[in-house]
C-alpha atoms as a PDB file:
ATOM      1  CA  UNK A   1       4.838 -16.543 -56.408  1.00  0.00           C
ATOM      2  CA  UNK A   2       5.533 -20.180 -56.563  1.00  0.00           C
ATOM      3  CA  UNK A   3       8.001 -22.881 -56.053  1.00  0.00           C
ATOM      4  CA  UNK A   4       9.612 -25.395 -58.383  1.00  0.00           C
ATOM      5  CA  UNK A   5      10.240 -28.916 -57.094  1.00  0.00           C
ATOM      6  CA  UNK A   6      11.615 -31.960 -58.888  1.00  0.00           C
ATOM      7  CA  UNK A   7      13.060 -35.333 -57.972  1.00  0.00           C
ATOM      8  CA  UNK A   8      15.254 -35.274 -61.046  1.00  0.00           C
ATOM      9  CA  UNK A   9      18.753 -33.851 -60.191  1.00  0.00           C
ATOM     10  CA  UNK A  10      19.545 -32.791 -63.760  1.00  0.00           C
ATOM     11  CA  UNK A  11      16.438 -30.640 -63.734  1.00  0.00           C
ATOM     12  CA  UNK A  12      17.235 -29.227 -60.360  1.00  0.00           C
ATOM     13  CA  UNK A  13      20.772 -28.349 -61.489  1.00  0.00           C
ATOM     14  CA  UNK A  14      19.301 -26.569 -64.626  1.00  0.00           C
ATOM     15  CA  UNK A  15      16.831 -24.671 -62.502  1.00  0.00           C
ATOM     16  CA  UNK A  16      19.660 -23.591 -60.120  1.00  0.00           C
ATOM     17  CA  UNK A  17      21.710 -22.450 -63.048  1.00  0.00           C
ATOM     18  CA  UNK A  18      18.810 -20.460 -64.693  1.00  0.00           C
ATOM     19  CA  UNK A  19      17.688 -18.856 -61.403  1.00  0.00           C
ATOM     20  CA  UNK A  20      20.970 -16.765 -61.178  1.00  0.00           C
ATOM     21  CA  UNK A  21      21.285 -15.382 -64.591  1.00  0.00           C
ATOM     22  CA  UNK A  22      22.952 -18.560 -65.989  1.00  0.00           C
ATOM     23  CA  UNK A  23      26.050 -18.039 -63.810  1.00  0.00           C
ATOM     24  CA  UNK A  24      27.997 -21.170 -63.254  1.00  0.00           C
ATOM     25  CA  UNK A  25      28.735 -20.435 -59.567  1.00  0.00           C
ATOM     26  CA  UNK A  26      26.640 -18.444 -57.043  1.00  0.00           C
ATOM     27  CA  UNK A  27      28.217 -15.703 -54.863  1.00  0.00           C
ATOM     28  CA  UNK A  28      28.396 -17.940 -51.897  1.00  0.00           C
ATOM     29  CA  UNK A  29      30.756 -20.350 -53.837  1.00  0.00           C
ATOM     30  CA  UNK A  30      32.662 -17.608 -55.494  1.00  0.00           C
ATOM     31  CA  UNK A  31      33.555 -15.838 -52.209  1.00  0.00           C
ATOM     32  CA  UNK A  32      33.935 -18.798 -49.979  1.00  0.00           C
ATOM     33  CA  UNK A  33      36.814 -19.474 -47.558  1.00  0.00           C
ATOM     34  CA  UNK A  34      38.682 -21.148 -50.345  1.00  0.00           C
ATOM     35  CA  UNK A  35      39.055 -17.801 -51.992  1.00  0.00           C
ATOM     36  CA  UNK A  36      37.550 -16.023 -54.871  1.00  0.00           C
ATOM     37  CA  UNK A  37      36.923 -17.862 -58.134  1.00  0.00           C
ATOM     38  CA  UNK A  38      35.840 -16.351 -61.457  1.00  0.00           C
ATOM     39  CA  UNK A  39      32.398 -17.344 -62.813  1.00  0.00           C
ATOM     40  CA  UNK A  40      31.069 -17.854 -66.249  1.00  0.00           C
ATOM     41  CA  UNK A  41      27.598 -17.144 -67.709  1.00  0.00           C
ATOM     42  CA  UNK A  42      26.912 -20.511 -69.487  1.00  0.00           C
ATOM     43  CA  UNK A  43      23.204 -19.944 -70.393  1.00  0.00           C
ATOM     44  CA  UNK A  44      20.766 -17.038 -70.492  1.00  0.00           C
ATOM     45  CA  UNK A  45      18.999 -16.962 -67.149  1.00  0.00           C
ATOM     46  CA  UNK A  46      16.855 -15.076 -64.677  1.00  0.00           C
ATOM     47  CA  UNK A  47      17.139 -13.384 -61.383  1.00  0.00           C
ATOM     48  CA  UNK A  48      14.946 -15.867 -59.375  1.00  0.00           C
ATOM     49  CA  UNK A  49      17.194 -16.464 -56.346  1.00  0.00           C
ATOM     50  CA  UNK A  50      15.078 -16.797 -53.144  1.00  0.00           C
ATOM     51  CA  UNK A  51      15.712 -14.495 -50.217  1.00  0.00           C
ATOM     52  CA  UNK A  52      15.818 -15.653 -46.673  1.00  0.00           C
ATOM     53  CA  UNK A  53      12.356 -14.082 -46.108  1.00  0.00           C
ATOM     54  CA  UNK A  54      10.953 -15.787 -49.003  1.00  0.00           C
ATOM     55  CA  UNK A  55      12.413 -19.255 -47.805  1.00  0.00           C
ATOM     56  CA  UNK A  56      10.833 -18.657 -44.414  1.00  0.00           C
ATOM     57  CA  UNK A  57       7.469 -17.913 -45.850  1.00  0.00           C
ATOM     58  CA  UNK A  58       7.845 -20.911 -48.321  1.00  0.00           C
ATOM     59  CA  UNK A  59       8.554 -23.198 -45.448  1.00  0.00           C
ATOM     60  CA  UNK A  60       5.483 -21.986 -43.564  1.00  0.00           C
ATOM     61  CA  UNK A  61       3.345 -22.355 -46.762  1.00  0.00           C
ATOM     62  CA  UNK A  62       4.521 -25.940 -47.255  1.00  0.00           C
ATOM     63  CA  UNK A  63       2.807 -26.850 -43.969  1.00  0.00           C
ATOM     64  CA  UNK A  64      -0.541 -25.804 -45.457  1.00  0.00           C
ATOM     65  CA  UNK A  65       0.075 -27.151 -49.056  1.00  0.00           C
ATOM     66  CA  UNK A  66      -2.109 -30.340 -48.793  1.00  0.00           C
ATOM     67  CA  UNK A  67      -5.081 -28.510 -47.091  1.00  0.00           C
ATOM     68  CA  UNK A  68      -4.926 -25.598 -49.582  1.00  0.00           C
ATOM     69  CA  UNK A  69      -4.737 -27.995 -52.577  1.00  0.00           C
ATOM     70  CA  UNK A  70      -7.778 -29.939 -51.256  1.00  0.00           C
ATOM     71  CA  UNK A  71      -9.651 -26.695 -50.625  1.00  0.00           C
ATOM     72  CA  UNK A  72      -8.946 -25.426 -54.163  1.00  0.00           C
ATOM     73  CA  UNK A  73      -9.888 -28.675 -55.604  1.00  0.00           C
ATOM     74  CA  UNK A  74     -13.302 -28.614 -53.930  1.00  0.00           C
ATOM     75  CA  UNK A  75     -13.952 -25.033 -55.213  1.00  0.00           C
ATOM     76  CA  UNK A  76     -12.841 -26.277 -58.705  1.00  0.00           C
ATOM     77  CA  UNK A  77     -15.336 -29.208 -58.495  1.00  0.00           C
ATOM     78  CA  UNK A  78     -18.046 -26.900 -57.365  1.00  0.00           C
ATOM     79  CA  UNK A  79     -17.389 -24.565 -60.381  1.00  0.00           C
ATOM     80  CA  UNK A  80     -17.389 -27.498 -62.772  1.00  0.00           C
ATOM     81  CA  UNK A  81     -20.628 -29.022 -61.444  1.00  0.00           C
ATOM     82  CA  UNK A  82     -22.368 -25.669 -61.078  1.00  0.00           C
ATOM     83  CA  UNK A  83     -21.453 -24.185 -64.432  1.00  0.00           C
ATOM     84  CA  UNK A  84     -21.832 -27.346 -66.490  1.00  0.00           C
ATOM     85  CA  UNK A  85     -23.969 -27.039 -69.472  1.00  0.00           C
ATOM     86  CA  UNK A  86     -24.135 -23.304 -69.977  1.00  0.00           C
ATOM     87  CA  UNK A  87     -24.160 -22.735 -73.635  1.00  0.00           C
ATOM     88  CA  UNK A  88     -21.310 -20.658 -74.717  1.00  0.00           C
ATOM     89  CA  UNK A  89     -19.134 -21.258 -71.643  1.00  0.00           C
ATOM     90  CA  UNK A  90     -16.334 -23.719 -72.170  1.00  0.00           C
ATOM     91  CA  UNK A  91     -15.037 -25.153 -68.896  1.00  0.00           C
ATOM     92  CA  UNK A  92     -11.568 -26.588 -68.358  1.00  0.00           C
ATOM     93  CA  UNK A  93     -10.762 -30.054 -69.275  1.00  0.00           C
ATOM     94  CA  UNK A  94     -10.510 -32.698 -66.490  1.00  0.00           C
ATOM     95  CA  UNK A  95      -6.875 -33.401 -65.489  1.00  0.00           C
ATOM     96  CA  UNK A  96      -4.921 -36.332 -66.815  1.00  0.00           C
ATOM     97  CA  UNK A  97      -5.136 -39.569 -64.803  1.00  0.00           C
ATOM     98  CA  UNK A  98      -2.388 -39.881 -62.029  1.00  0.00           C
ATOM     99  CA  UNK A  99      -1.774 -36.093 -61.932  1.00  0.00           C
ATOM    100  CA  UNK A 100      -1.981 -33.515 -59.185  1.00  0.00           C
ATOM    101  CA  UNK A 101      -3.349 -30.256 -60.503  1.00  0.00           C
ATOM    102  CA  UNK A 102      -2.396 -27.105 -58.563  1.00  0.00           C
ATOM    103  CA  UNK A 103      -5.716 -25.525 -59.349  1.00  0.00           C
ATOM    104  CA  UNK A 104      -3.964 -22.241 -59.641  1.00  0.00           C
ATOM    105  CA  UNK A 105      -6.490 -20.701 -62.110  1.00  0.00           C
ATOM    106  CA  UNK A 106     -10.015 -21.728 -62.994  1.00  0.00           C
ATOM    107  CA  UNK A 107     -10.120 -20.513 -66.595  1.00  0.00           C
ATOM    108  CA  UNK A 108     -13.198 -20.619 -68.736  1.00  0.00           C
ATOM    109  CA  UNK A 109     -13.788 -19.477 -72.410  1.00  0.00           C
ATOM    110  CA  UNK A 110     -16.759 -17.555 -73.595  1.00  0.00           C
ATOM    111  CA  UNK A 111     -17.969 -18.270 -77.088  1.00  0.00           C
ATOM    112  CA  UNK A 112     -19.818 -15.012 -77.956  1.00  0.00           C
ATOM    113  CA  UNK A 113     -21.864 -16.570 -80.774  1.00  0.00           C
ATOM    114  CA  UNK A 114     -23.389 -19.130 -78.401  1.00  0.00           C
ATOM    115  CA  UNK A 115     -23.375 -17.059 -75.251  1.00  0.00           C
ATOM    116  CA  UNK A 116     -24.804 -13.774 -76.660  1.00  0.00           C
ATOM    117  CA  UNK A 117     -22.046 -11.785 -74.897  1.00  0.00           C
ATOM    118  CA  UNK A 118     -18.212 -11.453 -75.013  1.00  0.00           C
ATOM    119  CA  UNK A 119     -15.645 -12.310 -72.356  1.00  0.00           C
ATOM    120  CA  UNK A 120     -15.264  -8.667 -71.499  1.00  0.00           C
ATOM    121  CA  UNK A 121     -19.078  -8.333 -71.092  1.00  0.00           C
ATOM    122  CA  UNK A 122     -19.050 -11.169 -68.637  1.00  0.00           C
ATOM    123  CA  UNK A 123     -16.241  -9.622 -66.809  1.00  0.00           C
ATOM    124  CA  UNK A 124     -17.795  -6.315 -66.573  1.00  0.00           C
ATOM    125  CA  UNK A 125     -21.176  -7.872 -65.424  1.00  0.00           C
ATOM    126  CA  UNK A 126     -19.469  -9.991 -62.774  1.00  0.00           C
ATOM    127  CA  UNK A 127     -17.629  -6.860 -61.466  1.00  0.00           C
ATOM    128  CA  UNK A 128     -20.986  -5.097 -61.198  1.00  0.00           C
ATOM    129  CA  UNK A 129     -21.984  -7.998 -58.921  1.00  0.00           C
ATOM    130  CA  UNK A 130     -18.762  -7.438 -56.919  1.00  0.00           C
ATOM    131  CA  UNK A 131     -17.042 -10.477 -58.299  1.00  0.00           C
ATOM    132  CA  UNK A 132     -13.455  -9.977 -59.601  1.00  0.00           C
ATOM    133  CA  UNK A 133     -12.103 -11.960 -62.486  1.00  0.00           C
ATOM    134  CA  UNK A 134      -8.887 -12.006 -64.431  1.00  0.00           C
ATOM    135  CA  UNK A 135      -7.616 -12.397 -67.973  1.00  0.00           C
ATOM    136  CA  UNK A 136      -5.025 -15.235 -67.975  1.00  0.00           C
ATOM    137  CA  UNK A 137      -3.553 -14.624 -70.320  1.00  0.00           C
ATOM    138  CA  UNK A 138      -3.364 -12.098 -73.085  1.00  0.00           C
ATOM    139  CA  UNK A 139      -1.516 -13.600 -76.204  1.00  0.00           C
ATOM    140  CA  UNK A 140       2.057 -12.518 -76.024  1.00  0.00           C
ATOM    141  CA  UNK A 141       2.107 -11.432 -79.711  1.00  0.00           C
ATOM    142  CA  UNK A 142      -0.520  -8.781 -78.829  1.00  0.00           C
ATOM    143  CA  UNK A 143       1.675  -7.021 -76.245  1.00  0.00           C
ATOM    144  CA  UNK A 144       3.581  -3.908 -77.392  1.00  0.00           C
ATOM    145  CA  UNK A 145       7.008  -5.278 -76.572  1.00  0.00           C
ATOM    146  CA  UNK A 146       6.519  -8.295 -78.956  1.00  0.00           C
ATOM    147  CA  UNK A 147       4.735  -6.254 -81.594  1.00  0.00           C
ATOM    148  CA  UNK A 148       7.588  -3.630 -81.658  1.00  0.00           C
ATOM    149  CA  UNK A 149      10.561  -6.039 -81.152  1.00  0.00           C
ATOM    150  CA  UNK A 150       9.479  -8.812 -83.498  1.00  0.00           C
ATOM    151  CA  UNK A 151       6.990  -7.088 -85.769  1.00  0.00           C
ATOM    152  CA  UNK A 152       4.014  -9.336 -84.747  1.00  0.00           C
ATOM    153  CA  UNK A 153       0.687  -8.389 -86.220  1.00  0.00           C
ATOM    154  CA  UNK A 154      -2.544  -9.216 -84.296  1.00  0.00           C
ATOM    155  CA  UNK A 155      -3.621 -11.681 -87.215  1.00  0.00           C
ATOM    156  CA  UNK A 156      -0.150 -13.470 -87.305  1.00  0.00           C
ATOM    157  CA  UNK A 157      -1.371 -15.993 -84.688  1.00  0.00           C
ATOM    158  CA  UNK A 158      -5.138 -16.392 -85.159  1.00  0.00           C
ATOM    159  CA  UNK A 159      -5.589 -19.402 -82.691  1.00  0.00           C
ATOM    160  CA  UNK A 160      -3.759 -17.545 -79.979  1.00  0.00           C
ATOM    161  CA  UNK A 161      -5.971 -14.504 -80.645  1.00  0.00           C
ATOM    162  CA  UNK A 162      -9.173 -16.606 -80.442  1.00  0.00           C
ATOM    163  CA  UNK A 163      -8.191 -18.131 -77.157  1.00  0.00           C
ATOM    164  CA  UNK A 164      -6.962 -14.694 -75.774  1.00  0.00           C
ATOM    165  CA  UNK A 165     -10.136 -12.889 -76.693  1.00  0.00           C
ATOM    166  CA  UNK A 166     -12.330 -15.528 -74.912  1.00  0.00           C
ATOM    167  CA  UNK A 167     -10.488 -16.603 -71.782  1.00  0.00           C
ATOM    168  CA  UNK A 168     -11.175 -15.332 -68.220  1.00  0.00           C
ATOM    169  CA  UNK A 169     -10.348 -16.609 -64.808  1.00  0.00           C
ATOM    170  CA  UNK A 170     -13.020 -16.960 -62.100  1.00  0.00           C
ATOM    171  CA  UNK A 171     -11.903 -16.256 -58.425  1.00  0.00           C
ATOM    172  CA  UNK A 172     -10.141 -19.358 -56.955  1.00  0.00           C
ATOM    173  CA  UNK A 173      -8.385 -19.231 -53.652  1.00  0.00           C
ATOM    174  CA  UNK A 174      -8.117 -21.608 -50.691  1.00  0.00           C
ATOM    175  CA  UNK A 175      -9.741 -18.861 -48.466  1.00  0.00           C
ATOM    176  CA  UNK A 176     -12.932 -18.861 -50.459  1.00  0.00           C
ATOM    177  CA  UNK A 177     -15.866 -20.407 -48.585  1.00  0.00           C
ATOM    178  CA  UNK A 178     -18.521 -22.628 -50.188  1.00  0.00           C
ATOM    179  CA  UNK A 179     -20.825 -19.658 -50.047  1.00  0.00           C
ATOM    180  CA  UNK A 180     -18.298 -17.512 -52.050  1.00  0.00           C
ATOM    181  CA  UNK A 181     -18.143 -20.207 -54.671  1.00  0.00           C
ATOM    182  CA  UNK A 182     -21.927 -20.613 -54.804  1.00  0.00           C
ATOM    183  CA  UNK A 183     -22.183 -16.754 -55.226  1.00  0.00           C
ATOM    184  CA  UNK A 184     -19.859 -16.917 -58.243  1.00  0.00           C
ATOM    185  CA  UNK A 185     -21.754 -19.857 -59.716  1.00  0.00           C
ATOM    186  CA  UNK A 186     -25.083 -18.229 -59.155  1.00  0.00           C
ATOM    187  CA  UNK A 187     -23.848 -14.928 -60.798  1.00  0.00           C
ATOM    188  CA  UNK A 188     -22.481 -16.570 -63.902  1.00  0.00           C
ATOM    189  CA  UNK A 189     -25.675 -18.671 -64.311  1.00  0.00           C
ATOM    190  CA  UNK A 190     -27.883 -15.566 -63.786  1.00  0.00           C
ATOM    191  CA  UNK A 191     -25.842 -13.639 -66.362  1.00  0.00           C
ATOM    192  CA  UNK A 192     -26.162 -16.643 -68.887  1.00  0.00           C
ATOM    193  CA  UNK A 193     -29.923 -16.494 -68.130  1.00  0.00           C
ATOM    194  CA  UNK A 194     -30.019 -19.949 -66.433  1.00  0.00           C
ATOM    195  CA  UNK A 195     -31.185 -18.856 -63.196  1.00  0.00           C
END
């Protein structure tokens, strides 16, 4: 899930258009008391309109936004400090100055020639230690739809392949405790032979 916010009206209007299949007028406006009006699809779009239930949940989540951002940032910093210096493990770059990062995913890259193991090896070993990880993201051209629809071959985009084969996400949620984050750090360091 997620939410898009902006203080630029032209971006907001574009997002409103795209969220409803690119249709120029939503159903509320088309069937208002003024009577039915025809609509036009003016751009390719998506079905991203928010339900009342999603809106209610979103309002409730907004109350916790700052607290959750701070918590996720704390875990992010713990990971960055605790995993620093592991040969073959590339950590995320620091954010740009004057930006607020959502800390949605803590992605690392495993360089097999330096680490002595692959990304999948690390994921398997963490799973054995009851630590879940994720692949965010597999390069699009490697997926069946893009291969079959556009004729992509795995070697067509070597840089995307390189990143896709090495990247994984460590657990990151505002509900994690410091002890949870320390467990992840200790497990990764142990697997890399550093503790």
